[in-house]
Amino acid sequence: MSNKRIHIPKLKAYYELHDIRCTHCQNKMLAGVQYYAMKTIWVEFSCVGCARGGDVELKEINAILKQFGFNPIRERYVVSK
């Protein structure tokens, strides 16, 4: 596994090895709930240090995980009628 760093500009974070880190305070960002909006599945992230947060499309997170050789996150959401 390489030591490369991948930036996630929409989230103002970067992915390096096993962590998603905040670019502001370098603390870990935790993944929250998946939700469906605007015909897209989103994942909510928030920093444990400075409470900054953001939402990223699930397909973008899965592309990053794929580059590091990890399994993708399965889509789980409830579409209300």
Protein backbone atom coordinates (compact mmCIF):
# COMPACT_ATOMS: atom_id res chain seq x y z
CA MET A 1 0.00 0.00 0.00
CA SER A 2 1.42 3.34 -0.99
CA ASN A 3 1.80 6.44 1.15
CA LYS A 4 0.01 8.76 -1.26
CA ARG A 5 -2.33 11.50 -0.11
CA ILE A 6 -5.56 12.22 -1.96
CA HIS A 7 -7.28 15.57 -1.44
CA ILE A 8 -11.06 15.82 -1.21
CA PRO A 9 -11.61 19.50 -2.10
CA LYS A 10 -15.39 19.56 -1.54
CA LEU A 11 -14.83 18.34 2.02
CA LYS A 12 -11.64 20.37 2.66
CA ALA A 13 -9.99 17.15 3.76
CA TYR A 14 -7.50 14.58 2.54
CA TYR A 15 -7.30 10.80 2.63
CA GLU A 16 -4.02 9.21 3.64
CA LEU A 17 -3.68 5.51 4.47
CA HIS A 18 -6.58 4.69 6.81
CA ASP A 19 -7.75 8.15 7.83
CA ILE A 20 -9.69 11.03 6.40
CA ARG A 21 -8.12 14.11 7.97
CA CYS A 22 -9.31 17.71 8.25
CA THR A 23 -7.11 20.19 6.38
CA HIS A 24 -7.81 22.83 9.03
CA CYS A 25 -6.76 21.03 12.25
CA GLN A 26 -5.44 17.63 10.99
CA ASN A 27 -7.80 15.66 13.27
CA LYS A 28 -9.78 12.68 12.03
CA MET A 29 -13.02 13.14 10.16
CA LEU A 30 -15.73 10.61 10.87
CA ALA A 31 -18.25 9.35 8.34
CA GLY A 32 -21.86 9.82 9.29
CA VAL A 33 -25.14 8.94 7.69
CA GLN A 34 -25.72 8.18 4.03
CA TYR A 35 -28.64 9.97 2.49
CA TYR A 36 -30.27 10.33 -0.91
CA ALA A 37 -30.75 13.82 -2.35
CA MET A 38 -30.80 15.31 -5.85
CA LYS A 39 -30.64 11.82 -7.41
CA THR A 40 -27.31 11.17 -5.67
CA ILE A 41 -26.19 9.28 -2.59
CA TRP A 42 -24.20 11.45 -0.17
CA VAL A 43 -22.12 10.68 2.92
CA GLU A 44 -21.89 13.20 5.74
CA PHE A 45 -18.45 13.79 7.33
CA SER A 46 -17.51 15.81 10.42
CA CYS A 47 -14.20 16.60 12.11
CA VAL A 48 -13.78 15.47 15.72
CA GLY A 49 -11.47 18.39 16.50
CA CYS A 50 -12.96 21.54 15.02
CA ALA A 51 -16.46 20.28 14.09
CA ARG A 52 -16.10 21.27 10.44
CA GLY A 53 -18.22 19.13 8.22
CA GLY A 54 -19.24 18.46 4.71
CA ASP A 55 -21.03 16.10 2.40
CA VAL A 56 -19.38 14.10 -0.36
CA GLU A 57 -20.90 11.92 -3.05
CA LEU A 58 -20.59 8.23 -2.23
CA LYS A 59 -19.10 7.50 -5.65
CA GLU A 60 -16.21 9.92 -4.91
CA ILE A 61 -15.44 8.21 -1.60
CA ASN A 62 -15.58 4.80 -3.28
CA ALA A 63 -13.15 5.99 -5.97
CA ILE A 64 -10.67 6.96 -3.25
CA LEU A 65 -11.11 3.64 -1.44
CA LYS A 66 -10.58 1.79 -4.73
CA GLN A 67 -7.27 3.61 -5.31
CA PHE A 68 -6.03 2.28 -1.97
CA GLY A 69 -7.33 -1.24 -2.61
CA PHE A 70 -10.20 -1.19 -0.09
CA ASN A 71 -13.73 -2.48 -0.66
CA PRO A 72 -16.29 0.18 -1.58
CA ILE A 73 -19.00 1.36 0.79
CA ARG A 74 -22.34 -0.24 -0.03
CA GLU A 75 -25.24 2.03 -0.85
CA ARG A 76 -27.81 2.05 1.96
CA TYR A 77 -30.55 4.56 1.90
CA VAL A 78 -34.30 4.70 2.16
CA VAL A 79 -36.18 6.50 -0.57
CA SER A 80 -39.46 7.81 0.78
CA LYS A 81 -42.35 8.04 -1.64
